[in-house]
Amino acid sequence: MEYSKLIDSASVAWRPSSFCEGVSIKDLGKSDGFYLQMVKFEAGVVFPFHKHFGPEFIYLLEGDAIQYGKPMKQGFVGISPAGSEENGFSSVKGCVFLLFSQEEITP
């Protein structure tokens, strides 16, 4: 059984999001039904409507974002409870954030 893992995020390739053009993702790891990703928004991107299966936490590393109509800047944290709906998460100048969330389980 593997108990720990170290990942150099610089060695993980960015991949395009399958949900939104202008969004790139680094899959940093997953364990026990949760995952950690680094997410990059190009300037002007608006993410489409989505529902959070489980709780979601973001930590803004750089740039600007707007979540639930409220501006965020570097160092801000956004928390969305399970079942919450979000429309219009966006970035005017572009941003990079860490995303910690629960994996969606499909029957």
PDB file of N, CA and C in Angstrom:
ATOM      1  N   MET A   1       0.851  -1.187   0.000  1.00  0.00           N
ATOM      2  CA  MET A   1       0.000   0.000   0.000  1.00  0.00           C
ATOM      3  C   MET A   1       0.891   1.244   0.000  1.00  0.00           C
ATOM      4  N   GLU A   2       0.560   2.173  -0.879  1.00  0.00           N
ATOM      5  CA  GLU A   2       1.321   3.409  -0.970  1.00  0.00           C
ATOM      6  C   GLU A   2       0.767   4.420   0.031  1.00  0.00           C
ATOM      7  N   TYR A   3       1.633   4.984   0.870  1.00  0.00           N
ATOM      8  CA  TYR A   3       1.175   5.888   1.921  1.00  0.00           C
ATOM      9  C   TYR A   3       1.387   7.350   1.617  1.00  0.00           C
ATOM     10  N   SER A   4       2.335   7.656   0.772  1.00  0.00           N
ATOM     11  CA  SER A   4       2.548   9.058   0.443  1.00  0.00           C
ATOM     12  C   SER A   4       3.144   9.165  -0.944  1.00  0.00           C
ATOM     13  N   LYS A   5       3.026  10.339  -1.499  1.00  0.00           N
ATOM     14  CA  LYS A   5       3.529  10.578  -2.844  1.00  0.00           C
ATOM     15  C   LYS A   5       3.999  12.019  -2.925  1.00  0.00           C
ATOM     16  N   LEU A   6       5.125  12.241  -3.565  1.00  0.00           N
ATOM     17  CA  LEU A   6       5.622  13.592  -3.796  1.00  0.00           C
ATOM     18  C   LEU A   6       5.576  13.858  -5.288  1.00  0.00           C
ATOM     19  N   ILE A   7       5.029  15.003  -5.664  1.00  0.00           N
ATOM     20  CA  ILE A   7       4.898  15.349  -7.073  1.00  0.00           C
ATOM     21  C   ILE A   7       5.494  16.732  -7.288  1.00  0.00           C
ATOM     22  N   ASP A   8       6.372  16.845  -8.253  1.00  0.00           N
ATOM     23  CA  ASP A   8       6.915  18.142  -8.657  1.00  0.00           C
ATOM     24  C   ASP A   8       5.938  18.740  -9.663  1.00  0.00           C
ATOM     25  N   SER A   9       5.179  19.742  -9.275  1.00  0.00           N
ATOM     26  CA  SER A   9       4.148  20.295 -10.159  1.00  0.00           C
ATOM     27  C   SER A   9       4.743  20.843 -11.451  1.00  0.00           C
ATOM     28  N   ALA A  10       6.008  21.247 -11.423  1.00  0.00           N
ATOM     29  CA  ALA A  10       6.641  21.754 -12.639  1.00  0.00           C
ATOM     30  C   ALA A  10       6.799  20.654 -13.693  1.00  0.00           C
ATOM     31  N   SER A  11       6.808  19.401 -13.263  1.00  0.00           N
ATOM     32  CA  SER A  11       6.977  18.296 -14.206  1.00  0.00           C
ATOM     33  C   SER A  11       5.644  17.795 -14.776  1.00  0.00           C
ATOM     34  N   VAL A  12       4.536  18.321 -14.285  1.00  0.00           N
ATOM     35  CA  VAL A  12       3.211  17.906 -14.758  1.00  0.00           C
ATOM     36  C   VAL A  12       2.796  18.807 -15.922  1.00  0.00           C
ATOM     37  N   ALA A  13       2.410  18.199 -17.018  1.00  0.00           N
ATOM     38  CA  ALA A  13       2.014  18.965 -18.212  1.00  0.00           C
ATOM     39  C   ALA A  13       0.623  19.574 -18.049  1.00  0.00           C
ATOM     40  N   TRP A  14       0.452  20.758 -18.618  1.00  0.00           N
ATOM     41  CA  TRP A  14      -0.876  21.360 -18.704  1.00  0.00           C
ATOM     42  C   TRP A  14      -1.671  20.621 -19.775  1.00  0.00           C
ATOM     43  N   ARG A  15      -2.960  20.418 -19.526  1.00  0.00           N
ATOM     44  CA  ARG A  15      -3.853  19.840 -20.532  1.00  0.00           C
ATOM     45  C   ARG A  15      -5.054  20.766 -20.679  1.00  0.00           C
ATOM     46  N   PRO A  16      -5.640  20.822 -21.863  1.00  0.00           N
ATOM     47  CA  PRO A  16      -6.812  21.680 -22.034  1.00  0.00           C
ATOM     48  C   PRO A  16      -8.020  21.107 -21.294  1.00  0.00           C
ATOM     49  N   SER A  17      -8.819  21.987 -20.724  1.00  0.00           N
ATOM     50  CA  SER A  17     -10.058  21.572 -20.065  1.00  0.00           C
ATOM     51  C   SER A  17     -11.033  21.036 -21.095  1.00  0.00           C
ATOM     52  N   SER A  18     -11.762  19.991 -20.725  1.00  0.00           N
ATOM     53  CA  SER A  18     -12.795  19.465 -21.620  1.00  0.00           C
ATOM     54  C   SER A  18     -14.112  20.219 -21.442  1.00  0.00           C
ATOM     55  N   PHE A  19     -14.174  21.153 -20.493  1.00  0.00           N
ATOM     56  CA  PHE A  19     -15.403  21.888 -20.200  1.00  0.00           C
ATOM     57  C   PHE A  19     -15.416  23.309 -20.761  1.00  0.00           C
ATOM     58  N   CYS A  20     -14.210  23.901 -20.943  1.00  0.00           N
ATOM     59  CA  CYS A  20     -14.199  25.314 -21.303  1.00  0.00           C
ATOM     60  C   CYS A  20     -12.918  25.676 -22.052  1.00  0.00           C
ATOM     61  N   GLU A  21     -13.068  26.302 -23.210  1.00  0.00           N
ATOM     62  CA  GLU A  21     -11.927  26.779 -23.976  1.00  0.00           C
ATOM     63  C   GLU A  21     -11.233  27.901 -23.202  1.00  0.00           C
ATOM     64  N   GLY A  22      -9.900  27.912 -23.242  1.00  0.00           N
ATOM     65  CA  GLY A  22      -9.135  28.948 -22.541  1.00  0.00           C
ATOM     66  C   GLY A  22      -8.775  28.573 -21.124  1.00  0.00           C
ATOM     67  N   VAL A  23      -9.111  27.344 -20.717  1.00  0.00           N
ATOM     68  CA  VAL A  23      -8.791  26.847 -19.380  1.00  0.00           C
ATOM     69  C   VAL A  23      -7.859  25.650 -19.534  1.00  0.00           C
ATOM     70  N   SER A  24      -6.756  25.656 -18.773  1.00  0.00           N
ATOM     71  CA  SER A  24      -5.794  24.556 -18.767  1.00  0.00           C
ATOM     72  C   SER A  24      -5.665  24.005 -17.356  1.00  0.00           C
ATOM     73  N   ILE A  25      -5.340  22.717 -17.265  1.00  0.00           N
ATOM     74  CA  ILE A  25      -5.322  22.029 -15.974  1.00  0.00           C
ATOM     75  C   ILE A  25      -4.067  21.194 -15.824  1.00  0.00           C
ATOM     76  N   LYS A  26      -3.496  21.212 -14.620  1.00  0.00           N
ATOM     77  CA  LYS A  26      -2.451  20.271 -14.225  1.00  0.00           C
ATOM     78  C   LYS A  26      -3.076  19.351 -13.180  1.00  0.00           C
ATOM     79  N   ASP A  27      -3.138  18.065 -13.471  1.00  0.00           N
ATOM     80  CA  ASP A  27      -3.666  17.091 -12.515  1.00  0.00           C
ATOM     81  C   ASP A  27      -2.545  16.722 -11.543  1.00  0.00           C
ATOM     82  N   LEU A  28      -2.632  17.217 -10.309  1.00  0.00           N
ATOM     83  CA  LEU A  28      -1.552  17.049  -9.341  1.00  0.00           C
ATOM     84  C   LEU A  28      -1.680  15.801  -8.487  1.00  0.00           C
ATOM     85  N   GLY A  29      -2.863  15.221  -8.411  1.00  0.00           N
ATOM     86  CA  GLY A  29      -3.016  13.976  -7.677  1.00  0.00           C
ATOM     87  C   GLY A  29      -4.425  13.777  -7.176  1.00  0.00           C
ATOM     88  N   LYS A  30      -4.687  12.514  -6.784  1.00  0.00           N
ATOM     89  CA  LYS A  30      -5.984  12.204  -6.181  1.00  0.00           C
ATOM     90  C   LYS A  30      -5.806  11.085  -5.170  1.00  0.00           C
ATOM     91  N   SER A  31      -6.686  11.113  -4.170  1.00  0.00           N
ATOM     92  CA  SER A  31      -6.645  10.108  -3.108  1.00  0.00           C
ATOM     93  C   SER A  31      -7.962  10.128  -2.353  1.00  0.00           C
ATOM     94  N   ASP A  32      -8.443   8.964  -2.020  1.00  0.00           N
ATOM     95  CA  ASP A  32      -9.630   8.825  -1.172  1.00  0.00           C
ATOM     96  C   ASP A  32     -10.829   9.627  -1.659  1.00  0.00           C
ATOM     97  N   GLY A  33     -11.008   9.700  -2.981  1.00  0.00           N
ATOM     98  CA  GLY A  33     -12.180  10.375  -3.532  1.00  0.00           C
ATOM     99  C   GLY A  33     -12.029  11.868  -3.724  1.00  0.00           C
ATOM    100  N   PHE A  34     -10.850  12.419  -3.467  1.00  0.00           N
ATOM    101  CA  PHE A  34     -10.604  13.844  -3.649  1.00  0.00           C
ATOM    102  C   PHE A  34      -9.458  14.036  -4.631  1.00  0.00           C
ATOM    103  N   TYR A  35      -9.425  15.204  -5.274  1.00  0.00           N
ATOM    104  CA  TYR A  35      -8.333  15.490  -6.196  1.00  0.00           C
ATOM    105  C   TYR A  35      -7.840  16.916  -6.022  1.00  0.00           C
ATOM    106  N   LEU A  36      -6.603  17.124  -6.459  1.00  0.00           N
ATOM    107  CA  LEU A  36      -5.973  18.442  -6.430  1.00  0.00           C
ATOM    108  C   LEU A  36      -5.507  18.769  -7.840  1.00  0.00           C
ATOM    109  N   GLN A  37      -5.884  19.957  -8.306  1.00  0.00           N
ATOM    110  CA  GLN A  37      -5.483  20.408  -9.627  1.00  0.00           C
ATOM    111  C   GLN A  37      -4.986  21.845  -9.555  1.00  0.00           C
ATOM    112  N   MET A  38      -4.097  22.197 -10.473  1.00  0.00           N
ATOM    113  CA  MET A  38      -3.747  23.587 -10.698  1.00  0.00           C
ATOM    114  C   MET A  38      -4.493  23.977 -11.970  1.00  0.00           C
ATOM    115  N   VAL A  39      -5.185  25.103 -11.927  1.00  0.00           N
ATOM    116  CA  VAL A  39      -6.039  25.520 -13.041  1.00  0.00           C
ATOM    117  C   VAL A  39      -5.599  26.905 -13.515  1.00  0.00           C
ATOM    118  N   LYS A  40      -5.512  27.062 -14.830  1.00  0.00           N
ATOM    119  CA  LYS A  40      -5.112  28.341 -15.421  1.00  0.00           C
ATOM    120  C   LYS A  40      -6.219  28.833 -16.344  1.00  0.00           C
ATOM    121  N   PHE A  41      -6.681  30.064 -16.123  1.00  0.00           N
ATOM    122  CA  PHE A  41      -7.655  30.732 -16.986  1.00  0.00           C
ATOM    123  C   PHE A  41      -6.931  31.780 -17.808  1.00  0.00           C
ATOM    124  N   GLU A  42      -7.156  31.790 -19.107  1.00  0.00           N
ATOM    125  CA  GLU A  42      -6.660  32.871 -19.955  1.00  0.00           C
ATOM    126  C   GLU A  42      -7.522  34.110 -19.680  1.00  0.00           C
ATOM    127  N   ALA A  43      -7.028  35.264 -20.057  1.00  0.00           N
ATOM    128  CA  ALA A  43      -7.773  36.519 -19.860  1.00  0.00           C
ATOM    129  C   ALA A  43      -9.129  36.445 -20.557  1.00  0.00           C
ATOM    130  N   GLY A  44     -10.163  36.895 -19.852  1.00  0.00           N
ATOM    131  CA  GLY A  44     -11.504  36.984 -20.418  1.00  0.00           C
ATOM    132  C   GLY A  44     -12.339  35.721 -20.378  1.00  0.00           C
ATOM    133  N   VAL A  45     -11.809  34.638 -19.841  1.00  0.00           N
ATOM    134  CA  VAL A  45     -12.557  33.374 -19.812  1.00  0.00           C
ATOM    135  C   VAL A  45     -13.687  33.431 -18.792  1.00  0.00           C
ATOM    136  N   VAL A  46     -14.843  32.910 -19.183  1.00  0.00           N
ATOM    137  CA  VAL A  46     -15.990  32.748 -18.288  1.00  0.00           C
ATOM    138  C   VAL A  46     -16.352  31.268 -18.286  1.00  0.00           C
ATOM    139  N   PHE A  47     -16.283  30.630 -17.121  1.00  0.00           N
ATOM    140  CA  PHE A  47     -16.575  29.200 -17.022  1.00  0.00           C
ATOM    141  C   PHE A  47     -18.086  28.989 -17.036  1.00  0.00           C
ATOM    142  N   PRO A  48     -18.570  27.966 -17.732  1.00  0.00           N
ATOM    143  CA  PRO A  48     -20.021  27.755 -17.832  1.00  0.00           C
ATOM    144  C   PRO A  48     -20.655  27.278 -16.522  1.00  0.00           C
ATOM    145  N   PHE A  49     -21.969  27.330 -16.492  1.00  0.00           N
ATOM    146  CA  PHE A  49     -22.740  26.852 -15.344  1.00  0.00           C
ATOM    147  C   PHE A  49     -22.330  25.423 -14.993  1.00  0.00           C
ATOM    148  N   HIS A  50     -22.197  25.175 -13.687  1.00  0.00           N
ATOM    149  CA  HIS A  50     -21.901  23.821 -13.204  1.00  0.00           C
ATOM    150  C   HIS A  50     -22.374  23.669 -11.770  1.00  0.00           C
ATOM    151  N   LYS A  51     -22.584  22.429 -11.379  1.00  0.00           N
ATOM    152  CA  LYS A  51     -22.999  22.098 -10.021  1.00  0.00           C
ATOM    153  C   LYS A  51     -21.857  21.356  -9.342  1.00  0.00           C
ATOM    154  N   HIS A  52     -21.618  21.688  -8.075  1.00  0.00           N
ATOM    155  CA  HIS A  52     -20.545  21.043  -7.323  1.00  0.00           C
ATOM    156  C   HIS A  52     -21.068  19.757  -6.682  1.00  0.00           C
ATOM    157  N   PHE A  53     -20.515  18.632  -7.126  1.00  0.00           N
ATOM    158  CA  PHE A  53     -20.916  17.330  -6.586  1.00  0.00           C
ATOM    159  C   PHE A  53     -20.585  17.238  -5.093  1.00  0.00           C
ATOM    160  N   GLY A  54     -19.386  17.655  -4.764  1.00  0.00           N
ATOM    161  CA  GLY A  54     -18.919  17.677  -3.374  1.00  0.00           C
ATOM    162  C   GLY A  54     -18.382  19.055  -3.071  1.00  0.00           C
ATOM    163  N   PRO A  55     -17.817  19.253  -1.891  1.00  0.00           N
ATOM    164  CA  PRO A  55     -17.251  20.568  -1.570  1.00  0.00           C
ATOM    165  C   PRO A  55     -16.096  20.887  -2.507  1.00  0.00           C
ATOM    166  N   GLU A  56     -15.910  22.173  -2.771  1.00  0.00           N
ATOM    167  CA  GLU A  56     -14.834  22.626  -3.649  1.00  0.00           C
ATOM    168  C   GLU A  56     -14.130  23.809  -2.996  1.00  0.00           C
ATOM    169  N   PHE A  57     -12.815  23.756  -2.999  1.00  0.00           N
ATOM    170  CA  PHE A  57     -11.995  24.823  -2.433  1.00  0.00           C
ATOM    171  C   PHE A  57     -11.029  25.302  -3.503  1.00  0.00           C
ATOM    172  N   ILE A  58     -10.930  26.619  -3.684  1.00  0.00           N
ATOM    173  CA  ILE A  58      -9.922  27.155  -4.582  1.00  0.00           C
ATOM    174  C   ILE A  58      -9.063  28.157  -3.814  1.00  0.00           C
ATOM    175  N   TYR A  59      -7.790  28.202  -4.186  1.00  0.00           N
ATOM    176  CA  TYR A  59      -6.845  29.164  -3.616  1.00  0.00           C
ATOM    177  C   TYR A  59      -6.192  29.876  -4.789  1.00  0.00           C
ATOM    178  N   LEU A  60      -6.422  31.180  -4.891  1.00  0.00           N
ATOM    179  CA  LEU A  60      -5.932  31.960  -6.026  1.00  0.00           C
ATOM    180  C   LEU A  60      -4.439  32.258  -5.850  1.00  0.00           C
ATOM    181  N   LEU A  61      -3.629  31.690  -6.743  1.00  0.00           N
ATOM    182  CA  LEU A  61      -2.174  31.861  -6.685  1.00  0.00           C
ATOM    183  C   LEU A  61      -1.718  33.145  -7.356  1.00  0.00           C
ATOM    184  N   GLU A  62      -2.363  33.490  -8.473  1.00  0.00           N
ATOM    185  CA  GLU A  62      -1.985  34.709  -9.194  1.00  0.00           C
ATOM    186  C   GLU A  62      -3.151  35.168 -10.057  1.00  0.00           C
ATOM    187  N   GLY A  63      -3.145  36.462 -10.368  1.00  0.00           N
ATOM    188  CA  GLY A  63      -4.162  37.021 -11.243  1.00  0.00           C
ATOM    189  C   GLY A  63      -5.410  37.465 -10.499  1.00  0.00           C
ATOM    190  N   ASP A  64      -6.515  37.525 -11.236  1.00  0.00           N
ATOM    191  CA  ASP A  64      -7.789  37.979 -10.684  1.00  0.00           C
ATOM    192  C   ASP A  64      -8.877  36.990 -11.067  1.00  0.00           C
ATOM    193  N   ALA A  65      -9.929  36.964 -10.288  1.00  0.00           N
ATOM    194  CA  ALA A  65     -11.084  36.122 -10.598  1.00  0.00           C
ATOM    195  C   ALA A  65     -12.332  36.754 -10.011  1.00  0.00           C
ATOM    196  N   ILE A  66     -13.464  36.326 -10.522  1.00  0.00           N
ATOM    197  CA  ILE A  66     -14.761  36.729  -9.972  1.00  0.00           C
ATOM    198  C   ILE A  66     -15.524  35.455  -9.692  1.00  0.00           C
ATOM    199  N   GLN A  67     -15.912  35.262  -8.437  1.00  0.00           N
ATOM    200  CA  GLN A  67     -16.677  34.074  -8.044  1.00  0.00           C
ATOM    201  C   GLN A  67     -17.926  34.545  -7.311  1.00  0.00           C
ATOM    202  N   TYR A  68     -19.079  34.032  -7.746  1.00  0.00           N
ATOM    203  CA  TYR A  68     -20.371  34.428  -7.173  1.00  0.00           C
ATOM    204  C   TYR A  68     -20.531  35.950  -7.175  1.00  0.00           C
ATOM    205  N   GLY A  69     -20.009  36.607  -8.220  1.00  0.00           N
ATOM    206  CA  GLY A  69     -20.141  38.051  -8.364  1.00  0.00           C
ATOM    207  C   GLY A  69     -19.186  38.860  -7.506  1.00  0.00           C
ATOM    208  N   LYS A  70     -18.290  38.206  -6.784  1.00  0.00           N
ATOM    209  CA  LYS A  70     -17.359  38.913  -5.891  1.00  0.00           C
ATOM    210  C   LYS A  70     -15.934  38.803  -6.425  1.00  0.00           C
ATOM    211  N   PRO A  71     -15.207  39.942  -6.448  1.00  0.00           N
ATOM    212  CA  PRO A  71     -13.845  39.917  -6.968  1.00  0.00           C
ATOM    213  C   PRO A  71     -12.885  39.213  -6.007  1.00  0.00           C
ATOM    214  N   MET A  72     -11.940  38.503  -6.608  1.00  0.00           N
ATOM    215  CA  MET A  72     -10.899  37.816  -5.847  1.00  0.00           C
ATOM    216  C   MET A  72      -9.544  38.261  -6.385  1.00  0.00           C
ATOM    217  N   LYS A  73      -8.554  38.282  -5.512  1.00  0.00           N
ATOM    218  CA  LYS A  73      -7.186  38.559  -5.944  1.00  0.00           C
ATOM    219  C   LYS A  73      -6.262  37.541  -5.284  1.00  0.00           C
ATOM    220  N   GLN A  74      -4.995  37.596  -5.625  1.00  0.00           N
ATOM    221  CA  GLN A  74      -4.015  36.647  -5.123  1.00  0.00           C
ATOM    222  C   GLN A  74      -4.157  36.456  -3.610  1.00  0.00           C
ATOM    223  N   GLY A  75      -4.186  35.190  -3.184  1.00  0.00           N
ATOM    224  CA  GLY A  75      -4.299  34.861  -1.765  1.00  0.00           C
ATOM    225  C   GLY A  75      -5.721  34.632  -1.285  1.00  0.00           C
ATOM    226  N   PHE A  76      -6.722  34.945  -2.123  1.00  0.00           N
ATOM    227  CA  PHE A  76      -8.111  34.719  -1.735  1.00  0.00           C
ATOM    228  C   PHE A  76      -8.457  33.233  -1.842  1.00  0.00           C
ATOM    229  N   VAL A  77      -9.396  32.803  -1.007  1.00  0.00           N
ATOM    230  CA  VAL A  77      -9.893  31.432  -1.000  1.00  0.00           C
ATOM    231  C   VAL A  77     -11.386  31.467  -1.309  1.00  0.00           C
ATOM    232  N   GLY A  78     -11.827  30.575  -2.196  1.00  0.00           N
ATOM    233  CA  GLY A  78     -13.250  30.423  -2.488  1.00  0.00           C
ATOM    234  C   GLY A  78     -13.701  29.045  -2.044  1.00  0.00           C
ATOM    235  N   ILE A  79     -14.813  28.983  -1.339  1.00  0.00           N
ATOM    236  CA  ILE A  79     -15.334  27.713  -0.831  1.00  0.00           C
ATOM    237  C   ILE A  79     -16.770  27.554  -1.318  1.00  0.00           C
ATOM    238  N   SER A  80     -17.030  26.419  -1.965  1.00  0.00           N
ATOM    239  CA  SER A  80     -18.376  26.117  -2.453  1.00  0.00           C
ATOM    240  C   SER A  80     -18.828  24.803  -1.834  1.00  0.00           C
ATOM    241  N   PRO A  81     -19.954  24.795  -1.127  1.00  0.00           N
ATOM    242  CA  PRO A  81     -20.429  23.558  -0.504  1.00  0.00           C
ATOM    243  C   PRO A  81     -20.983  22.567  -1.530  1.00  0.00           C
ATOM    244  N   ALA A  82     -21.041  21.318  -1.147  1.00  0.00           N
ATOM    245  CA  ALA A  82     -21.625  20.274  -1.988  1.00  0.00           C
ATOM    246  C   ALA A  82     -23.038  20.670  -2.380  1.00  0.00           C
ATOM    247  N   GLY A  83     -23.383  20.461  -3.640  1.00  0.00           N
ATOM    248  CA  GLY A  83     -24.720  20.769  -4.134  1.00  0.00           C
ATOM    249  C   GLY A  83     -24.895  22.194  -4.607  1.00  0.00           C
ATOM    250  N   SER A  84     -23.903  23.059  -4.365  1.00  0.00           N
ATOM    251  CA  SER A  84     -24.040  24.448  -4.796  1.00  0.00           C
ATOM    252  C   SER A  84     -23.896  24.542  -6.317  1.00  0.00           C
ATOM    253  N   GLU A  85     -24.503  25.568  -6.879  1.00  0.00           N
ATOM    254  CA  GLU A  85     -24.454  25.804  -8.314  1.00  0.00           C
ATOM    255  C   GLU A  85     -23.675  27.081  -8.568  1.00  0.00           C
ATOM    256  N   GLU A  86     -22.899  27.070  -9.636  1.00  0.00           N
ATOM    257  CA  GLU A  86     -22.069  28.233  -9.940  1.00  0.00           C
ATOM    258  C   GLU A  86     -22.187  28.568 -11.415  1.00  0.00           C
ATOM    259  N   ASN A  87     -22.323  29.850 -11.693  1.00  0.00           N
ATOM    260  CA  ASN A  87     -22.411  30.315 -13.065  1.00  0.00           C
ATOM    261  C   ASN A  87     -21.568  31.565 -13.204  1.00  0.00           C
ATOM    262  N   GLY A  88     -20.661  31.567 -14.164  1.00  0.00           N
ATOM    263  CA  GLY A  88     -19.928  32.779 -14.465  1.00  0.00           C
ATOM    264  C   GLY A  88     -18.626  32.981 -13.720  1.00  0.00           C
ATOM    265  N   PHE A  89     -18.016  31.929 -13.130  1.00  0.00           N
ATOM    266  CA  PHE A  89     -16.678  32.102 -12.565  1.00  0.00           C
ATOM    267  C   PHE A  89     -15.808  32.593 -13.715  1.00  0.00           C
ATOM    268  N   SER A  90     -15.091  33.697 -13.505  1.00  0.00           N
ATOM    269  CA  SER A  90     -14.360  34.299 -14.611  1.00  0.00           C
ATOM    270  C   SER A  90     -13.084  34.984 -14.153  1.00  0.00           C
ATOM    271  N   SER A  91     -12.294  35.385 -15.137  1.00  0.00           N
ATOM    272  CA  SER A  91     -11.077  36.151 -14.883  1.00  0.00           C
ATOM    273  C   SER A  91     -10.920  37.193 -15.978  1.00  0.00           C
ATOM    274  N   VAL A  92     -10.736  38.436 -15.591  1.00  0.00           N
ATOM    275  CA  VAL A  92     -10.561  39.514 -16.561  1.00  0.00           C
ATOM    276  C   VAL A  92      -9.163  39.459 -17.166  1.00  0.00           C
ATOM    277  N   LYS A  93      -8.136  39.362 -16.314  1.00  0.00           N
ATOM    278  CA  LYS A  93      -6.745  39.411 -16.779  1.00  0.00           C
ATOM    279  C   LYS A  93      -6.083  38.037 -16.855  1.00  0.00           C
ATOM    280  N   GLY A  94      -6.776  36.996 -16.402  1.00  0.00           N
ATOM    281  CA  GLY A  94      -6.207  35.655 -16.334  1.00  0.00           C
ATOM    282  C   GLY A  94      -5.825  35.325 -14.903  1.00  0.00           C
ATOM    283  N   CYS A  95      -5.788  34.035 -14.591  1.00  0.00           N
ATOM    284  CA  CYS A  95      -5.454  33.631 -13.223  1.00  0.00           C
ATOM    285  C   CYS A  95      -4.962  32.193 -13.188  1.00  0.00           C
ATOM    286  N   VAL A  96      -4.348  31.852 -12.067  1.00  0.00           N
ATOM    287  CA  VAL A  96      -3.943  30.485 -11.769  1.00  0.00           C
ATOM    288  C   VAL A  96      -4.384  30.206 -10.344  1.00  0.00           C
ATOM    289  N   PHE A  97      -5.028  29.045 -10.132  1.00  0.00           N
ATOM    290  CA  PHE A  97      -5.456  28.697  -8.779  1.00  0.00           C
ATOM    291  C   PHE A  97      -5.326  27.200  -8.535  1.00  0.00           C
ATOM    292  N   LEU A  98      -5.239  26.850  -7.255  1.00  0.00           N
ATOM    293  CA  LEU A  98      -5.300  25.456  -6.841  1.00  0.00           C
ATOM    294  C   LEU A  98      -6.748  25.101  -6.600  1.00  0.00           C
ATOM    295  N   LEU A  99      -7.148  23.923  -7.038  1.00  0.00           N
ATOM    296  CA  LEU A  99      -8.513  23.431  -6.861  1.00  0.00           C
ATOM    297  C   LEU A  99      -8.459  22.105  -6.116  1.00  0.00           C
ATOM    298  N   PHE A 100      -9.154  22.049  -4.992  1.00  0.00           N
ATOM    299  CA  PHE A 100      -9.278  20.816  -4.217  1.00  0.00           C
ATOM    300  C   PHE A 100     -10.758  20.472  -4.193  1.00  0.00           C
ATOM    301  N   SER A 101     -11.104  19.287  -4.682  1.00  0.00           N
ATOM    302  CA  SER A 101     -12.510  18.944  -4.807  1.00  0.00           C
ATOM    303  C   SER A 101     -12.710  17.437  -4.706  1.00  0.00           C
ATOM    304  N   GLN A 102     -13.959  17.077  -4.547  1.00  0.00           N
ATOM    305  CA  GLN A 102     -14.347  15.666  -4.469  1.00  0.00           C
ATOM    306  C   GLN A 102     -14.659  15.139  -5.865  1.00  0.00           C
ATOM    307  N   GLU A 103     -14.208  13.929  -6.148  1.00  0.00           N
ATOM    308  CA  GLU A 103     -14.497  13.322  -7.433  1.00  0.00           C
ATOM    309  C   GLU A 103     -15.984  12.984  -7.531  1.00  0.00           C
ATOM    310  N   GLU A 104     -16.535  13.199  -8.713  1.00  0.00           N
ATOM    311  CA  GLU A 104     -17.929  12.815  -8.926  1.00  0.00           C
ATOM    312  C   GLU A 104     -18.000  11.312  -9.126  1.00  0.00           C
ATOM    313  N   ILE A 105     -18.904  10.683  -8.421  1.00  0.00           N
ATOM    314  CA  ILE A 105     -19.075   9.229  -8.520  1.00  0.00           C
ATOM    315  C   ILE A 105     -20.312   8.955  -9.346  1.00  0.00           C
ATOM    316  N   THR A 106     -20.141   8.203 -10.413  1.00  0.00           N
ATOM    317  CA  THR A 106     -21.277   7.883 -11.265  1.00  0.00           C
ATOM    318  C   THR A 106     -21.623   6.401 -11.092  1.00  0.00           C
ATOM    319  N   PRO A 107     -22.922   6.096 -11.071  1.00  0.00           N
ATOM    320  CA  PRO A 107     -23.336   4.697 -10.864  1.00  0.00           C
ATOM    321  C   PRO A 107     -22.953   3.798 -12.027  1.00  0.00           C
TER     322      PRO A 107
END
